C-alpha atoms as a PDB file:
ATOM      1  CA  MET A   1     116.112 132.809  76.193  1.00  0.00           C
ATOM      2  CA  ALA A   2     118.326 135.624  77.429  1.00  0.00           C
ATOM      3  CA  ILE A   3     117.704 134.618  81.052  1.00  0.00           C
ATOM      4  CA  TYR A   4     118.689 131.024  80.263  1.00  0.00           C
ATOM      5  CA  ALA A   5     121.917 132.106  78.558  1.00  0.00           C
ATOM      6  CA  THR A   6     122.741 134.492  81.412  1.00  0.00           C
ATOM      7  CA  LEU A   7     122.122 131.766  83.988  1.00  0.00           C
ATOM      8  CA  MET A   8     124.373 129.339  82.113  1.00  0.00           C
ATOM      9  CA  ASP A   9     127.141 131.969  81.921  1.00  0.00           C
ATOM     10  CA  ILE A  10     126.816 132.696  85.658  1.00  0.00           C
ATOM     11  CA  ILE A  11     127.064 129.000  86.525  1.00  0.00           C
ATOM     12  CA  ASP A  12     130.148 128.656  84.337  1.00  0.00           C
ATOM     13  CA  SER A  13     131.872 131.751  85.697  1.00  0.00           C
ATOM     14  CA  TYR A  14     131.164 131.145  89.407  1.00  0.00           C
ATOM     15  CA  THR A  15     131.702 127.394  89.556  1.00  0.00           C
ATOM     16  CA  GLY A  16     133.998 126.694  86.632  1.00  0.00           C
ATOM     17  CA  LEU A  17     131.695 123.807  85.737  1.00  0.00           C
ATOM     18  CA  SER A  18     129.584 123.256  82.695  1.00  0.00           C
ATOM     19  CA  PRO A  19     125.859 123.689  83.423  1.00  0.00           C
ATOM     20  CA  ALA A  20     125.311 119.945  82.903  1.00  0.00           C
ATOM     21  CA  ALA A  21     128.018 119.076  85.450  1.00  0.00           C
ATOM     22  CA  PHE A  22     126.692 121.685  87.897  1.00  0.00           C
ATOM     23  CA  PHE A  23     123.119 120.347  87.801  1.00  0.00           C
ATOM     24  CA  THR A  24     124.337 116.735  87.982  1.00  0.00           C
ATOM     25  CA  ILE A  25     126.359 117.513  91.111  1.00  0.00           C
ATOM     26  CA  ALA A  26     123.440 119.465  92.612  1.00  0.00           C
ATOM     27  CA  ALA A  27     121.070 116.532  91.989  1.00  0.00           C
ATOM     28  CA  LEU A  28     123.551 114.071  93.536  1.00  0.00           C
ATOM     29  CA  MET A  29     123.947 116.311  96.597  1.00  0.00           C
ATOM     30  CA  VAL A  30     120.176 116.409  97.096  1.00  0.00           C
ATOM     31  CA  ALA A  31     119.952 112.621  96.700  1.00  0.00           C
ATOM     32  CA  VAL A  32     122.760 112.004  99.223  1.00  0.00           C
ATOM     33  CA  TYR A  33     121.194 114.483 101.652  1.00  0.00           C
ATOM     34  CA  LYS A  34     117.818 112.708 101.419  1.00  0.00           C
ATOM     35  CA  MET A  35     119.473 109.315 101.871  1.00  0.00           C
ATOM     36  CA  VAL A  36     121.486 110.386 104.920  1.00  0.00           C
ATOM     37  CA  CYS A  37     118.479 112.117 106.498  1.00  0.00           C
ATOM     38  CA  GLY A  38     116.479 108.938 105.943  1.00  0.00           C
ATOM     39  CA  MET A  39     118.981 106.997 108.031  1.00  0.00           C
ATOM     40  CA  PHE A  40     118.156 109.098 111.091  1.00  0.00           C
ATOM     41  CA  VAL A  41     114.408 108.663 111.474  1.00  0.00           C
ATOM     42  CA  ASP A  42     112.905 109.781 114.763  1.00  0.00           C
ATOM     43  CA  SER A  43     111.803 106.626 116.597  1.00  0.00           C
ATOM     44  CA  GLU A  44     108.328 108.046 117.323  1.00  0.00           C
ATOM     45  CA  GLU A  45     107.831 108.942 113.664  1.00  0.00           C
ATOM     46  CA  PHE A  46     109.018 105.473 112.638  1.00  0.00           C
ATOM     47  CA  ASN A  47     106.621 103.794 115.075  1.00  0.00           C
ATOM     48  CA  LYS A  48     103.720 105.913 113.753  1.00  0.00           C
ATOM     49  CA  SER A  49     104.466 105.034 110.151  1.00  0.00           C
ATOM     50  CA  SER A  50     104.938 101.326 110.901  1.00  0.00           C
ATOM     51  CA  SER A  51     101.690 101.137 112.891  1.00  0.00           C
ATOM     52  CA  SER A  52      99.735 102.812 110.077  1.00  0.00           C
ATOM     53  CA  SER A  53     101.209 100.421 107.508  1.00  0.00           C
ATOM     54  CA  ASN A  54     100.338  97.469 109.767  1.00  0.00           C
ATOM     55  CA  SER A  55      96.666  98.330 109.563  1.00  0.00           C
ATOM     56  CA  THR A  56      96.769  97.932 105.775  1.00  0.00           C
ATOM     57  CA  SER A  57      98.890  94.789 105.637  1.00  0.00           C
ATOM     58  CA  ASN A  58      98.470  92.328 108.472  1.00  0.00           C
ATOM     59  CA  HIS A  59     101.205  89.935 107.321  1.00  0.00           C
ATOM     60  CA  ILE A  60     104.039  92.200 108.540  1.00  0.00           C
ATOM     61  CA  HIS A  61     105.078  91.417 112.123  1.00  0.00           C
ATOM     62  CA  THR A  62     106.653  94.178 114.190  1.00  0.00           C
ATOM     63  CA  PRO A  63     108.154  93.312 117.560  1.00  0.00           C
ATOM     64  CA  THR A  64     106.334  94.503 120.648  1.00  0.00           C
ATOM     65  CA  VAL A  65     107.871  97.627 122.142  1.00  0.00           C
ATOM     66  CA  TYR A  66     108.373  97.375 125.896  1.00  0.00           C
ATOM     67  CA  GLU A  67     109.272  99.985 128.456  1.00  0.00           C
ATOM     68  CA  PRO A  68     112.991  99.815 129.250  1.00  0.00           C
ATOM     69  CA  VAL A  69     113.776  97.552 132.194  1.00  0.00           C
ATOM     70  CA  GLN A  70     116.658  98.451 134.491  1.00  0.00           C
ATOM     71  CA  LEU A  71     119.128  95.547 134.485  1.00  0.00           C
ATOM     72  CA  GLY A  72     121.791  96.918 136.807  1.00  0.00           C
ATOM     73  CA  ASP A  73     125.204  95.267 136.623  1.00  0.00           C
ATOM     74  CA  VAL A  74     125.590  92.839 133.712  1.00  0.00           C
ATOM     75  CA  THR A  75     128.565  90.868 132.426  1.00  0.00           C
ATOM     76  CA  GLU A  76     129.556  90.829 128.751  1.00  0.00           C
ATOM     77  CA  GLN A  77     128.373  87.229 128.530  1.00  0.00           C
ATOM     78  CA  GLU A  78     124.954  88.143 129.948  1.00  0.00           C
ATOM     79  CA  LEU A  79     124.668  91.125 127.563  1.00  0.00           C
ATOM     80  CA  LYS A  80     124.994  88.805 124.551  1.00  0.00           C
ATOM     81  CA  ALA A  81     121.470  87.514 125.260  1.00  0.00           C
ATOM     82  CA  TYR A  82     120.108  90.939 124.250  1.00  0.00           C
ATOM     83  CA  ASP A  83     121.429  90.944 120.670  1.00  0.00           C
ATOM     84  CA  GLY A  84     117.986  90.869 119.043  1.00  0.00           C
ATOM     85  CA  SER A  85     117.877  87.149 118.346  1.00  0.00           C
ATOM     86  CA  ASP A  86     114.988  86.836 120.839  1.00  0.00           C
ATOM     87  CA  PRO A  87     112.216  89.292 119.809  1.00  0.00           C
ATOM     88  CA  ASN A  88     110.745  89.093 123.322  1.00  0.00           C
ATOM     89  CA  LYS A  89     113.862  90.600 124.920  1.00  0.00           C
ATOM     90  CA  PRO A  90     114.930  94.223 124.687  1.00  0.00           C
ATOM     91  CA  LEU A  91     117.700  95.126 122.273  1.00  0.00           C
ATOM     92  CA  LEU A  92     120.726  96.384 124.214  1.00  0.00           C
ATOM     93  CA  MET A  93     124.225  97.636 123.478  1.00  0.00           C
ATOM     94  CA  ALA A  94     126.928  99.275 125.526  1.00  0.00           C
ATOM     95  CA  ILE A  95     129.203 102.245 125.044  1.00  0.00           C
ATOM     96  CA  LYS A  96     132.095 102.718 127.459  1.00  0.00           C
ATOM     97  CA  GLY A  97     130.554 100.156 129.804  1.00  0.00           C
ATOM     98  CA  GLN A  98     127.145 101.865 129.971  1.00  0.00           C
ATOM     99  CA  ILE A  99     124.276  99.743 128.626  1.00  0.00           C
ATOM    100  CA  TYR A 100     121.507 101.380 126.593  1.00  0.00           C
ATOM    101  CA  ASP A 101     118.156 100.022 125.440  1.00  0.00           C
ATOM    102  CA  VAL A 102     118.151 100.560 121.658  1.00  0.00           C
ATOM    103  CA  SER A 103     114.900  98.641 121.087  1.00  0.00           C
ATOM    104  CA  SER A 104     113.250 101.752 119.649  1.00  0.00           C
ATOM    105  CA  SER A 105     115.785 101.595 116.792  1.00  0.00           C
ATOM    106  CA  ARG A 106     115.367  97.888 116.055  1.00  0.00           C
ATOM    107  CA  ILE A 107     115.430  98.676 112.328  1.00  0.00           C
ATOM    108  CA  PHE A 108     119.082  99.737 112.748  1.00  0.00           C
ATOM    109  CA  TYR A 109     120.366  97.522 115.587  1.00  0.00           C
ATOM    110  CA  GLY A 110     118.099  94.474 115.234  1.00  0.00           C
ATOM    111  CA  PRO A 111     118.756  91.395 113.086  1.00  0.00           C
ATOM    112  CA  GLY A 112     119.296  92.413 109.473  1.00  0.00           C
ATOM    113  CA  GLY A 113     119.898  96.048 110.406  1.00  0.00           C
ATOM    114  CA  PRO A 114     123.036  97.929 109.365  1.00  0.00           C
ATOM    115  CA  TYR A 115     124.343  98.049 112.964  1.00  0.00           C
ATOM    116  CA  ALA A 116     123.120  94.596 114.058  1.00  0.00           C
ATOM    117  CA  LYS A 117     126.692  93.523 114.882  1.00  0.00           C
ATOM    118  CA  PHE A 118     126.785  96.157 117.648  1.00  0.00           C
ATOM    119  CA  ALA A 119     123.794  94.765 119.584  1.00  0.00           C
ATOM    120  CA  GLY A 120     124.396  92.601 122.634  1.00  0.00           C
ATOM    121  CA  ARG A 121     127.929  93.869 123.200  1.00  0.00           C
ATOM    122  CA  ASP A 122     130.061  96.863 124.099  1.00  0.00           C
ATOM    123  CA  ALA A 123     130.802  98.362 120.678  1.00  0.00           C
ATOM    124  CA  SER A 124     132.917 101.283 121.915  1.00  0.00           C
ATOM    125  CA  ARG A 125     136.009 100.529 119.822  1.00  0.00           C
ATOM    126  CA  ALA A 126     133.998  99.965 116.632  1.00  0.00           C
ATOM    127  CA  LEU A 127     132.126 103.237 117.125  1.00  0.00           C
ATOM    128  CA  ALA A 128     135.318 105.174 117.856  1.00  0.00           C
ATOM    129  CA  LEU A 129     136.982 103.783 114.726  1.00  0.00           C
ATOM    130  CA  LEU A 130     133.764 103.874 112.657  1.00  0.00           C
ATOM    131  CA  SER A 131     134.514 100.234 111.909  1.00  0.00           C
ATOM    132  CA  PHE A 132     132.444  97.138 111.198  1.00  0.00           C
ATOM    133  CA  ASP A 133     135.446  94.835 111.530  1.00  0.00           C
ATOM    134  CA  PRO A 134     134.583  92.002 113.966  1.00  0.00           C
ATOM    135  CA  LYS A 135     137.905  92.449 115.795  1.00  0.00           C
ATOM    136  CA  ASP A 136     136.827  96.009 116.695  1.00  0.00           C
ATOM    137  CA  LEU A 137     133.524  94.928 118.266  1.00  0.00           C
ATOM    138  CA  THR A 138     134.800  95.310 121.805  1.00  0.00           C
ATOM    139  CA  GLY A 139     134.904  97.769 124.658  1.00  0.00           C
ATOM    140  CA  ASN A 140     138.729  97.848 124.596  1.00  0.00           C
ATOM    141  CA  LEU A 141     139.882 101.438 124.042  1.00  0.00           C
ATOM    142  CA  ASP A 142     143.636 100.742 124.229  1.00  0.00           C
ATOM    143  CA  GLY A 143     145.641 102.468 121.515  1.00  0.00           C
ATOM    144  CA  LEU A 144     142.914 104.855 120.388  1.00  0.00           C
ATOM    145  CA  GLY A 145     143.963 108.391 119.561  1.00  0.00           C
ATOM    146  CA  GLU A 146     142.424 111.610 120.817  1.00  0.00           C
ATOM    147  CA  SER A 147     140.346 112.130 117.662  1.00  0.00           C
ATOM    148  CA  GLU A 148     138.934 108.590 117.897  1.00  0.00           C
ATOM    149  CA  LEU A 149     138.035 109.117 121.554  1.00  0.00           C
ATOM    150  CA  GLU A 150     136.261 112.344 120.544  1.00  0.00           C
ATOM    151  CA  VAL A 151     134.239 110.413 117.955  1.00  0.00           C
ATOM    152  CA  LEU A 152     133.324 107.899 120.654  1.00  0.00           C
ATOM    153  CA  GLN A 153     132.331 110.711 123.019  1.00  0.00           C
ATOM    154  CA  ASP A 154     129.998 112.102 120.326  1.00  0.00           C
ATOM    155  CA  TRP A 155     128.399 108.671 119.982  1.00  0.00           C
ATOM    156  CA  GLU A 156     127.987 108.440 123.740  1.00  0.00           C
ATOM    157  CA  TYR A 157     126.260 111.853 123.856  1.00  0.00           C
ATOM    158  CA  LYS A 158     123.885 110.740 121.079  1.00  0.00           C
ATOM    159  CA  PHE A 159     123.049 107.560 122.961  1.00  0.00           C
ATOM    160  CA  MET A 160     122.540 109.419 126.245  1.00  0.00           C
ATOM    161  CA  GLU A 161     120.157 111.787 124.488  1.00  0.00           C
ATOM    162  CA  LYS A 162     118.164 109.201 122.530  1.00  0.00           C
ATOM    163  CA  TYR A 163     118.146 105.977 124.595  1.00  0.00           C
ATOM    164  CA  VAL A 164     117.526 104.935 128.183  1.00  0.00           C
ATOM    165  CA  LYS A 165     120.523 103.715 130.167  1.00  0.00           C
ATOM    166  CA  VAL A 166     119.533 100.383 131.715  1.00  0.00           C
ATOM    167  CA  GLY A 167     122.714  99.145 133.363  1.00  0.00           C
ATOM    168  CA  LYS A 168     126.460  98.890 133.244  1.00  0.00           C
ATOM    169  CA  LEU A 169     128.974  96.219 132.345  1.00  0.00           C
ATOM    170  CA  VAL A 170     130.957  94.511 135.065  1.00  0.00           C
ATOM    171  CA  SER A 171     133.764  92.018 134.663  1.00  0.00           C
ATOM    172  CA  GLU A 172     133.254  88.311 135.227  1.00  0.00           C
ATOM    173  CA  GLN A 173     135.729  88.551 138.127  1.00  0.00           C
ATOM    174  CA  ILE A 174     133.692  91.231 139.930  1.00  0.00           C
ATOM    175  CA  ARG A 175     130.516  89.187 139.401  1.00  0.00           C
ATOM    176  CA  ALA A 176     132.219  86.085 140.829  1.00  0.00           C
ATOM    177  CA  GLU A 177     133.409  88.070 143.866  1.00  0.00           C
ATOM    178  CA  GLU A 178     129.885  89.455 144.419  1.00  0.00           C
ATOM    179  CA  ASN A 179     128.428  85.947 144.215  1.00  0.00           C
ATOM    180  CA  ALA A 180     131.036  84.656 146.693  1.00  0.00           C
ATOM    181  CA  GLU A 181     130.231  87.492 149.125  1.00  0.00           C
ATOM    182  CA  GLU A 182     126.511  86.796 148.795  1.00  0.00           C
ATOM    183  CA  ALA A 183     127.051  83.074 149.435  1.00  0.00           C
ATOM    184  CA  GLN A 184     129.182  83.901 152.461  1.00  0.00           C
ATOM    185  CA  LYS A 185     126.437  86.165 153.879  1.00  0.00           C
ATOM    186  CA  HIS A 186     123.883  83.386 153.472  1.00  0.00           C
ATOM    187  CA  GLU A 187     126.233  80.951 155.208  1.00  0.00           C
ATOM    188  CA  VAL A 188     126.758  83.317 158.130  1.00  0.00           C
ATOM    189  CA  ASN A 189     123.009  83.976 158.442  1.00  0.00           C
ATOM    190  CA  GLY A 190     122.177  80.285 158.193  1.00  0.00           C
ATOM    191  CA  ASP A 191     120.128  80.705 154.997  1.00  0.00           C
ATOM    192  CA  SER A 192     119.950  77.777 152.669  1.00  0.00           C
END
């Protein structure tokens, strides 16, 4: 009993909290830590656990995981086709014009996932502002402050480390010019 009383006095003197408040806060901190850590599951670990659960329940359908395919230059309109609505296509999103295959994190970026709005588009502004507002789901970085650009840079480093870069965004105008040049080459060469 003396140890218990001593411990309670120590908690009160060091923290200024009642023992009940101290242990409540400690329990909440552990719960939040576990929840946040659970949001960042390693994709290989997730795939292992989902494949083992599939063997016990056959009614759950997981999308087929494909090797990333290099797309090259893609317009924003073309990128929209990779938003996860077609389970046979890879799940892609762009940061600062660089397109990454996020298919391995379909649970987060796929339909119904917490970041599903980011798929199939350049979500640079939303990531920099830590925003889910539809008006921020764009690659436009105008008006962002230095701290927001640093946040975006951290996101970009995480994506470079975790996902395969499969292409880059080009404007519709550049794509139209490339198509015109290609058509002109075919005309000059007599191709049909």
